[in-house]
Amino acid sequence: MKVTRSALVAVVAFIAALVMASPSSAVAAKFHSVDSSVSNSGALVVSFDERGLGNGNIDYTLTADASAVYACINGGGQHPQAANKETVNGDVSAAGSFESRNGRVQASLSAGPISAGGFTCPNGQRLVLAAVSYSNILLTDTTNGTSVSVPDTSRVFFAV
C-alpha cells in the first residue's frame, strides 16, 4: 500500500491538532435544571444540575435581591396588633466550588436570610422571621462563564 506524502502530512496535522486542543475548547457547559426554594431558616436554596463540563472544580456564585419581614410574637404565639414589625431589604450572595464528576455538577448553594438589623421586640415577645422573598436570582458558573436566571421564591412563616 502506497501512502502519499500529502496524506501523511494531513494525518499528522490532524493528530497534532487533537493533542494540542485545550480542554476548555471541548467544554459546552449548560445548566440542565435549576430550582429555588426557601429553607426552614429562611435561606434561599438554589439546587442545580450543570452538564457539559470538563474535569476538576467548577466555581459558582449566587446573587439575589432579598426582602424579609421580621415581627414580634407574644408568648401565645400571636402577633400583637401593634406596629411591631419591620421589613428589611438587601442583597444576598454565596459562592461555592464543586468537583465535576463525569462532566456534571449536581449541587446546591444557600444564601441569606438578611438580618433584622437593630429591630428588637419588647419584653415578653420574641423576634421571628415572618416572611421572606427572593427575586432577581442569578446563578453563575464563573469557571465557564455560564449564567442562568432562577425563579423567584418566597415563604411565609407567620401571618402578620
N, C-alpha and C. Protein backbone atom coordinates (compact mmCIF):
# COMPACT_ATOMS: atom_id res chain seq x y z
N MET A 1 0.85 -1.16 0.00
CA MET A 1 0.00 0.00 0.00
C MET A 1 0.90 1.23 0.00
N LYS A 2 0.60 2.13 -0.89
CA LYS A 2 1.42 3.31 -1.05
C LYS A 2 0.68 4.51 -0.45
N VAL A 3 1.31 5.18 0.52
CA VAL A 3 0.72 6.36 1.16
C VAL A 3 1.40 7.58 0.57
N THR A 4 0.59 8.50 0.14
CA THR A 4 1.17 9.72 -0.42
C THR A 4 1.67 10.61 0.70
N ARG A 5 2.64 11.40 0.37
CA ARG A 5 3.24 12.29 1.35
C ARG A 5 2.23 13.31 1.87
N SER A 6 1.38 13.85 1.03
CA SER A 6 0.40 14.85 1.47
C SER A 6 -0.64 14.23 2.40
N ALA A 7 -1.03 12.98 2.17
CA ALA A 7 -1.97 12.31 3.07
C ALA A 7 -1.35 12.09 4.43
N LEU A 8 -0.08 11.72 4.45
CA LEU A 8 0.62 11.51 5.72
C LEU A 8 0.73 12.81 6.49
N VAL A 9 1.06 13.90 5.82
CA VAL A 9 1.16 15.21 6.46
C VAL A 9 -0.21 15.62 7.04
N ALA A 10 -1.28 15.36 6.31
CA ALA A 10 -2.62 15.71 6.78
C ALA A 10 -2.99 14.93 8.03
N VAL A 11 -2.66 13.64 8.06
CA VAL A 11 -2.96 12.80 9.23
C VAL A 11 -2.16 13.28 10.44
N VAL A 12 -0.90 13.57 10.26
CA VAL A 12 -0.05 14.05 11.36
C VAL A 12 -0.57 15.39 11.88
N ALA A 13 -0.96 16.29 10.98
CA ALA A 13 -1.51 17.59 11.39
C ALA A 13 -2.80 17.42 12.17
N PHE A 14 -3.65 16.50 11.73
CA PHE A 14 -4.91 16.25 12.43
C PHE A 14 -4.66 15.72 13.84
N ILE A 15 -3.76 14.76 13.98
CA ILE A 15 -3.43 14.19 15.29
C ILE A 15 -2.83 15.27 16.19
N ALA A 16 -1.97 16.10 15.66
CA ALA A 16 -1.37 17.18 16.45
C ALA A 16 -2.43 18.16 16.93
N ALA A 17 -3.39 18.46 16.09
CA ALA A 17 -4.47 19.38 16.47
C ALA A 17 -5.31 18.78 17.60
N LEU A 18 -5.57 17.49 17.55
CA LEU A 18 -6.32 16.84 18.62
C LEU A 18 -5.56 16.85 19.94
N VAL A 19 -4.28 16.58 19.89
CA VAL A 19 -3.46 16.54 21.09
C VAL A 19 -3.33 17.92 21.71
N MET A 20 -3.19 18.94 20.88
CA MET A 20 -2.94 20.29 21.39
C MET A 20 -4.21 21.06 21.73
N ALA A 21 -5.37 20.51 21.40
CA ALA A 21 -6.62 21.21 21.70
C ALA A 21 -6.75 21.36 23.21
N SER A 22 -7.13 22.54 23.64
CA SER A 22 -7.27 22.77 25.09
C SER A 22 -8.56 22.13 25.58
N PRO A 23 -8.56 21.66 26.83
CA PRO A 23 -9.75 21.04 27.37
C PRO A 23 -10.95 21.99 27.38
N SER A 24 -10.72 23.28 27.59
CA SER A 24 -11.83 24.22 27.66
C SER A 24 -12.54 24.36 26.32
N SER A 25 -11.83 24.11 25.23
CA SER A 25 -12.49 24.21 23.94
C SER A 25 -13.51 23.09 23.74
N ALA A 26 -13.37 22.01 24.49
CA ALA A 26 -14.30 20.89 24.38
C ALA A 26 -15.48 21.05 25.34
N VAL A 27 -15.42 22.02 26.23
CA VAL A 27 -16.47 22.21 27.23
C VAL A 27 -17.64 22.96 26.61
N ALA A 28 -18.83 22.44 26.82
CA ALA A 28 -20.06 23.09 26.38
C ALA A 28 -20.99 23.15 27.58
N ALA A 29 -20.57 23.89 28.59
CA ALA A 29 -21.31 23.95 29.85
C ALA A 29 -22.72 24.49 29.64
N LYS A 30 -23.70 23.80 30.24
CA LYS A 30 -25.09 24.23 30.14
C LYS A 30 -25.85 23.75 31.37
N PHE A 31 -26.65 24.67 31.94
CA PHE A 31 -27.48 24.29 33.07
C PHE A 31 -28.65 23.46 32.56
N HIS A 32 -28.73 22.23 33.04
CA HIS A 32 -29.78 21.30 32.63
C HIS A 32 -31.06 21.58 33.43
N SER A 33 -30.90 21.84 34.73
CA SER A 33 -32.05 22.17 35.57
C SER A 33 -31.59 23.07 36.71
N VAL A 34 -32.52 23.88 37.20
CA VAL A 34 -32.24 24.77 38.32
C VAL A 34 -33.57 25.04 39.03
N ASP A 35 -33.51 25.08 40.37
CA ASP A 35 -34.72 25.27 41.16
C ASP A 35 -34.39 26.10 42.39
N SER A 36 -35.34 26.88 42.85
CA SER A 36 -35.14 27.69 44.05
C SER A 36 -36.20 27.36 45.09
N SER A 37 -35.81 27.49 46.36
CA SER A 37 -36.73 27.27 47.46
C SER A 37 -36.23 28.07 48.67
N VAL A 38 -37.03 28.07 49.74
CA VAL A 38 -36.65 28.73 50.98
C VAL A 38 -36.60 27.68 52.07
N SER A 39 -35.47 27.63 52.78
CA SER A 39 -35.30 26.63 53.85
C SER A 39 -36.09 27.03 55.09
N ASN A 40 -36.13 26.15 56.08
CA ASN A 40 -36.82 26.43 57.35
C ASN A 40 -36.21 27.61 58.09
N SER A 41 -34.94 27.92 57.81
CA SER A 41 -34.29 29.06 58.46
C SER A 41 -34.49 30.36 57.67
N GLY A 42 -35.13 30.28 56.51
CA GLY A 42 -35.37 31.46 55.69
C GLY A 42 -34.31 31.70 54.63
N ALA A 43 -33.38 30.80 54.48
CA ALA A 43 -32.31 30.96 53.49
C ALA A 43 -32.81 30.59 52.09
N LEU A 44 -32.31 31.29 51.10
CA LEU A 44 -32.53 30.93 49.70
C LEU A 44 -31.68 29.70 49.40
N VAL A 45 -32.28 28.69 48.80
CA VAL A 45 -31.56 27.49 48.40
C VAL A 45 -31.77 27.30 46.90
N VAL A 46 -30.66 27.28 46.16
CA VAL A 46 -30.72 27.04 44.72
C VAL A 46 -30.03 25.72 44.44
N SER A 47 -30.80 24.78 43.90
CA SER A 47 -30.28 23.47 43.52
C SER A 47 -30.16 23.44 42.01
N PHE A 48 -29.07 22.85 41.53
CA PHE A 48 -28.84 22.88 40.09
C PHE A 48 -28.12 21.64 39.60
N ASP A 49 -28.23 21.44 38.29
CA ASP A 49 -27.57 20.36 37.58
C ASP A 49 -26.97 20.99 36.33
N GLU A 50 -25.64 21.05 36.27
CA GLU A 50 -24.96 21.61 35.10
C GLU A 50 -24.19 20.49 34.43
N ARG A 51 -24.30 20.44 33.11
CA ARG A 51 -23.67 19.37 32.33
C ARG A 51 -22.77 19.95 31.25
N GLY A 52 -22.00 19.08 30.63
CA GLY A 52 -21.11 19.50 29.56
C GLY A 52 -19.84 20.14 30.09
N LEU A 53 -19.43 19.74 31.29
CA LEU A 53 -18.27 20.32 31.94
C LEU A 53 -17.03 19.45 31.74
N GLY A 54 -15.91 20.06 31.88
CA GLY A 54 -14.66 19.31 31.88
C GLY A 54 -14.44 18.72 33.26
N ASN A 55 -13.24 18.26 33.51
CA ASN A 55 -12.90 17.70 34.82
C ASN A 55 -12.38 18.80 35.73
N GLY A 56 -12.42 18.54 37.03
CA GLY A 56 -11.88 19.50 38.00
C GLY A 56 -12.98 20.24 38.74
N ASN A 57 -12.57 21.22 39.52
CA ASN A 57 -13.51 22.01 40.30
C ASN A 57 -14.14 23.11 39.45
N ILE A 58 -15.43 23.33 39.67
CA ILE A 58 -16.17 24.37 38.97
C ILE A 58 -16.64 25.35 40.05
N ASP A 59 -16.38 26.64 39.83
CA ASP A 59 -16.72 27.69 40.80
C ASP A 59 -18.05 28.34 40.42
N TYR A 60 -18.87 28.62 41.44
CA TYR A 60 -20.19 29.21 41.23
C TYR A 60 -20.38 30.40 42.15
N THR A 61 -21.20 31.37 41.70
CA THR A 61 -21.68 32.45 42.57
C THR A 61 -23.20 32.50 42.45
N LEU A 62 -23.82 32.90 43.54
CA LEU A 62 -25.26 33.04 43.60
C LEU A 62 -25.55 34.43 44.15
N THR A 63 -26.39 35.20 43.47
CA THR A 63 -26.78 36.53 43.94
C THR A 63 -28.30 36.66 43.84
N ALA A 64 -28.87 37.49 44.74
CA ALA A 64 -30.32 37.72 44.72
C ALA A 64 -30.65 38.98 45.50
N ASP A 65 -31.80 39.56 45.17
CA ASP A 65 -32.39 40.63 45.97
C ASP A 65 -33.28 39.96 47.00
N ALA A 66 -33.19 40.42 48.24
CA ALA A 66 -33.97 39.79 49.31
C ALA A 66 -34.82 40.82 50.03
N SER A 67 -35.97 40.35 50.51
CA SER A 67 -36.85 41.16 51.34
C SER A 67 -37.33 40.26 52.47
N ALA A 68 -37.20 40.75 53.70
CA ALA A 68 -37.62 39.95 54.85
C ALA A 68 -38.49 40.79 55.78
N VAL A 69 -39.51 40.16 56.30
CA VAL A 69 -40.38 40.81 57.29
C VAL A 69 -40.09 40.15 58.63
N TYR A 70 -39.66 40.97 59.59
CA TYR A 70 -39.44 40.50 60.95
C TYR A 70 -40.56 41.03 61.83
N ALA A 71 -41.01 40.22 62.79
CA ALA A 71 -42.12 40.61 63.65
C ALA A 71 -41.88 40.12 65.07
N CYS A 72 -42.66 40.68 65.97
CA CYS A 72 -42.62 40.28 67.38
C CYS A 72 -43.82 39.39 67.66
N ILE A 73 -43.57 38.25 68.28
CA ILE A 73 -44.61 37.28 68.60
C ILE A 73 -44.68 37.15 70.13
N ASN A 74 -45.92 37.17 70.68
CA ASN A 74 -46.05 37.07 72.13
C ASN A 74 -45.98 35.63 72.59
N GLY A 75 -46.06 35.42 73.88
CA GLY A 75 -45.95 34.09 74.47
C GLY A 75 -47.00 33.12 73.98
N GLY A 76 -48.14 33.62 73.51
CA GLY A 76 -49.21 32.76 73.00
C GLY A 76 -49.04 32.44 71.52
N GLY A 77 -47.93 32.85 70.94
CA GLY A 77 -47.68 32.56 69.53
C GLY A 77 -48.41 33.48 68.58
N GLN A 78 -48.90 34.61 69.08
CA GLN A 78 -49.65 35.54 68.26
C GLN A 78 -48.86 36.83 68.02
N HIS A 79 -49.17 37.47 66.90
CA HIS A 79 -48.57 38.76 66.60
C HIS A 79 -49.52 39.83 67.12
N PRO A 80 -49.10 40.60 68.12
CA PRO A 80 -49.96 41.67 68.62
C PRO A 80 -50.29 42.65 67.49
N GLN A 81 -51.41 43.30 67.58
CA GLN A 81 -51.85 44.21 66.52
C GLN A 81 -51.07 45.52 66.50
N ALA A 82 -50.12 45.66 67.38
CA ALA A 82 -49.27 46.85 67.37
C ALA A 82 -48.41 46.84 66.11
N ALA A 83 -47.76 47.92 65.85
CA ALA A 83 -46.95 48.05 64.62
C ALA A 83 -45.53 47.53 64.84
N ASN A 84 -45.40 46.42 65.57
CA ASN A 84 -44.06 45.92 65.86
C ASN A 84 -43.63 44.85 64.85
N LYS A 85 -43.48 45.33 63.63
CA LYS A 85 -42.89 44.51 62.58
C LYS A 85 -42.08 45.44 61.68
N GLU A 86 -41.11 44.85 61.00
CA GLU A 86 -40.26 45.66 60.14
C GLU A 86 -39.86 44.87 58.92
N THR A 87 -39.87 45.55 57.77
CA THR A 87 -39.42 44.95 56.52
C THR A 87 -38.02 45.46 56.21
N VAL A 88 -37.13 44.55 55.91
CA VAL A 88 -35.76 44.92 55.53
C VAL A 88 -35.49 44.37 54.13
N ASN A 89 -34.73 45.13 53.37
CA ASN A 89 -34.38 44.74 52.01
C ASN A 89 -32.87 44.78 51.85
N GLY A 90 -32.36 43.93 51.01
CA GLY A 90 -30.92 43.91 50.76
C GLY A 90 -30.55 42.84 49.76
N ASP A 91 -29.26 42.72 49.55
CA ASP A 91 -28.72 41.72 48.63
C ASP A 91 -28.14 40.56 49.43
N VAL A 92 -28.26 39.37 48.88
CA VAL A 92 -27.61 38.19 49.46
C VAL A 92 -26.76 37.54 48.38
N SER A 93 -25.72 36.85 48.81
CA SER A 93 -24.86 36.17 47.85
C SER A 93 -24.18 34.99 48.52
N ALA A 94 -23.71 34.08 47.69
CA ALA A 94 -22.97 32.91 48.16
C ALA A 94 -22.05 32.47 47.04
N ALA A 95 -21.03 31.73 47.41
CA ALA A 95 -20.10 31.18 46.43
C ALA A 95 -19.74 29.76 46.84
N GLY A 96 -19.42 28.94 45.88
CA GLY A 96 -19.03 27.57 46.17
C GLY A 96 -18.25 26.98 45.02
N SER A 97 -17.51 25.94 45.34
CA SER A 97 -16.73 25.22 44.35
C SER A 97 -17.07 23.75 44.48
N PHE A 98 -17.40 23.12 43.35
CA PHE A 98 -17.82 21.72 43.36
C PHE A 98 -17.04 20.95 42.31
N GLU A 99 -16.73 19.71 42.62
CA GLU A 99 -15.98 18.88 41.69
C GLU A 99 -16.90 18.30 40.63
N SER A 100 -16.50 18.47 39.40
CA SER A 100 -17.24 17.90 38.28
C SER A 100 -16.98 16.40 38.23
N ARG A 101 -18.05 15.63 38.13
CA ARG A 101 -17.95 14.18 38.01
C ARG A 101 -18.57 13.77 36.68
N ASN A 102 -17.75 13.17 35.85
CA ASN A 102 -18.21 12.77 34.51
C ASN A 102 -18.81 13.95 33.75
N GLY A 103 -18.20 15.13 33.90
CA GLY A 103 -18.65 16.31 33.17
C GLY A 103 -19.92 16.92 33.71
N ARG A 104 -20.25 16.66 34.98
CA ARG A 104 -21.53 17.10 35.54
C ARG A 104 -21.36 17.54 36.99
N VAL A 105 -22.06 18.61 37.37
CA VAL A 105 -22.13 19.04 38.77
C VAL A 105 -23.60 19.09 39.16
N GLN A 106 -23.94 18.40 40.23
CA GLN A 106 -25.26 18.47 40.85
C GLN A 106 -25.02 18.96 42.27
N ALA A 107 -25.53 20.14 42.60
CA ALA A 107 -25.22 20.73 43.91
C ALA A 107 -26.28 21.76 44.29
N SER A 108 -26.09 22.34 45.46
CA SER A 108 -26.95 23.42 45.96
C SER A 108 -26.10 24.49 46.61
N LEU A 109 -26.54 25.73 46.49
CA LEU A 109 -25.94 26.86 47.18
C LEU A 109 -27.03 27.54 47.99
N SER A 110 -26.66 28.05 49.18
CA SER A 110 -27.60 28.75 50.05
C SER A 110 -27.08 30.14 50.37
N ALA A 111 -28.02 31.10 50.48
CA ALA A 111 -27.67 32.48 50.84
C ALA A 111 -28.80 33.07 51.66
N GLY A 112 -28.43 33.93 52.61
CA GLY A 112 -29.44 34.63 53.41
C GLY A 112 -29.86 33.84 54.62
N PRO A 113 -30.91 34.29 55.30
CA PRO A 113 -31.68 35.49 55.02
C PRO A 113 -30.96 36.75 55.49
N ILE A 114 -31.47 37.89 55.09
CA ILE A 114 -30.88 39.14 55.56
C ILE A 114 -31.26 39.36 57.02
N SER A 115 -30.42 40.09 57.70
CA SER A 115 -30.56 40.31 59.14
C SER A 115 -31.67 41.30 59.46
N ALA A 116 -32.21 41.18 60.67
CA ALA A 116 -33.21 42.13 61.15
C ALA A 116 -32.58 43.45 61.55
N GLY A 117 -31.27 43.51 61.52
CA GLY A 117 -30.58 44.75 61.90
C GLY A 117 -30.82 45.08 63.36
N GLY A 118 -31.16 46.30 63.65
CA GLY A 118 -31.36 46.74 65.03
C GLY A 118 -32.78 46.58 65.53
N PHE A 119 -33.66 45.97 64.75
CA PHE A 119 -35.05 45.80 65.16
C PHE A 119 -35.13 44.84 66.35
N THR A 120 -35.77 45.25 67.42
CA THR A 120 -35.91 44.41 68.62
C THR A 120 -37.37 44.39 69.07
N CYS A 121 -37.69 43.47 69.95
CA CYS A 121 -39.04 43.31 70.48
C CYS A 121 -39.09 43.73 71.95
N PRO A 122 -40.28 44.14 72.40
CA PRO A 122 -40.42 44.46 73.82
C PRO A 122 -40.35 43.20 74.68
N ASN A 123 -40.17 43.39 75.97
CA ASN A 123 -40.12 42.25 76.91
C ASN A 123 -41.38 41.39 76.76
N GLY A 124 -41.20 40.09 76.85
CA GLY A 124 -42.32 39.16 76.75
C GLY A 124 -42.63 38.75 75.32
N GLN A 125 -41.91 39.29 74.34
CA GLN A 125 -42.13 38.92 72.94
C GLN A 125 -40.81 38.47 72.33
N ARG A 126 -40.91 37.64 71.31
CA ARG A 126 -39.69 37.19 70.65
C ARG A 126 -39.69 37.62 69.19
N LEU A 127 -38.49 37.87 68.68
CA LEU A 127 -38.30 38.28 67.30
C LEU A 127 -38.32 37.05 66.40
N VAL A 128 -39.13 37.09 65.32
CA VAL A 128 -39.19 35.99 64.38
C VAL A 128 -39.10 36.52 62.95
N LEU A 129 -38.64 35.67 62.07
CA LEU A 129 -38.69 35.95 60.65
C LEU A 129 -40.09 35.54 60.19
N ALA A 130 -40.93 36.52 59.85
CA ALA A 130 -42.33 36.24 59.50
C ALA A 130 -42.47 35.82 58.04
N ALA A 131 -41.69 36.45 57.15
CA ALA A 131 -41.79 36.14 55.73
C ALA A 131 -40.50 36.57 55.04
N VAL A 132 -40.21 35.91 53.93
CA VAL A 132 -39.01 36.25 53.17
C VAL A 132 -39.29 36.00 51.69
N SER A 133 -38.70 36.84 50.86
CA SER A 133 -38.83 36.63 49.41
C SER A 133 -37.50 36.95 48.73
N TYR A 134 -37.25 36.26 47.64
CA TYR A 134 -36.02 36.44 46.87
C TYR A 134 -36.39 36.64 45.40
N SER A 135 -35.78 37.62 44.77
CA SER A 135 -36.03 37.90 43.36
C SER A 135 -34.71 38.23 42.66
N ASN A 136 -34.77 38.35 41.34
CA ASN A 136 -33.57 38.62 40.54
C ASN A 136 -32.44 37.66 40.90
N ILE A 137 -32.78 36.40 41.02
CA ILE A 137 -31.81 35.37 41.42
C ILE A 137 -30.97 34.98 40.20
N LEU A 138 -29.66 35.00 40.37
CA LEU A 138 -28.76 34.66 39.27
C LEU A 138 -27.69 33.69 39.78
N LEU A 139 -27.57 32.56 39.09
CA LEU A 139 -26.55 31.57 39.37
C LEU A 139 -25.54 31.62 38.24
N THR A 140 -24.25 31.77 38.59
CA THR A 140 -23.20 31.89 37.58
C THR A 140 -22.12 30.85 37.79
N ASP A 141 -21.80 30.15 36.72
CA ASP A 141 -20.63 29.26 36.68
C ASP A 141 -19.48 30.17 36.25
N THR A 142 -18.67 30.61 37.22
CA THR A 142 -17.60 31.56 36.91
C THR A 142 -16.42 30.89 36.22
N THR A 143 -16.33 29.58 36.30
CA THR A 143 -15.26 28.86 35.63
C THR A 143 -15.46 28.87 34.11
N ASN A 144 -16.70 28.69 33.69
CA ASN A 144 -17.00 28.57 32.26
C ASN A 144 -17.77 29.77 31.70
N GLY A 145 -18.09 30.75 32.57
CA GLY A 145 -18.78 31.95 32.10
C GLY A 145 -20.22 31.72 31.68
N THR A 146 -20.91 30.81 32.36
CA THR A 146 -22.30 30.50 32.06
C THR A 146 -23.18 30.95 33.21
N SER A 147 -24.30 31.62 32.91
CA SER A 147 -25.24 32.08 33.93
C SER A 147 -26.64 31.63 33.60
N VAL A 148 -27.46 31.57 34.65
CA VAL A 148 -28.87 31.23 34.46
C VAL A 148 -29.70 32.02 35.47
N SER A 149 -30.83 32.55 35.00
CA SER A 149 -31.78 33.20 35.90
C SER A 149 -32.59 32.11 36.58
N VAL A 150 -32.85 32.32 37.86
CA VAL A 150 -33.51 31.32 38.68
C VAL A 150 -34.88 31.86 39.09
N PRO A 151 -35.92 31.03 39.13
CA PRO A 151 -37.26 31.52 39.50
C PRO A 151 -37.27 32.17 40.89
N ASP A 152 -38.04 33.27 41.00
CA ASP A 152 -38.24 33.92 42.30
C ASP A 152 -38.89 32.92 43.26
N THR A 153 -38.65 33.14 44.55
CA THR A 153 -39.25 32.25 45.55
C THR A 153 -39.53 33.04 46.82
N SER A 154 -40.48 32.57 47.62
CA SER A 154 -40.81 33.23 48.88
C SER A 154 -41.43 32.21 49.82
N ARG A 155 -41.52 32.64 51.08
CA ARG A 155 -42.13 31.76 52.09
C ARG A 155 -42.65 32.61 53.24
N VAL A 156 -43.83 32.26 53.75
CA VAL A 156 -44.43 32.93 54.90
C VAL A 156 -44.34 31.96 56.08
N PHE A 157 -43.77 32.45 57.17
CA PHE A 157 -43.65 31.65 58.40
C PHE A 157 -44.75 32.00 59.41
N PHE A 158 -45.08 33.29 59.50
CA PHE A 158 -46.13 33.78 60.40
C PHE A 158 -46.95 34.82 59.63
N ALA A 159 -48.26 34.69 59.68
CA ALA A 159 -49.13 35.70 59.05
C ALA A 159 -49.20 36.90 59.99
N VAL A 160 -48.67 38.02 59.54
CA VAL A 160 -48.69 39.25 60.38
C VAL A 160 -49.35 40.39 59.64
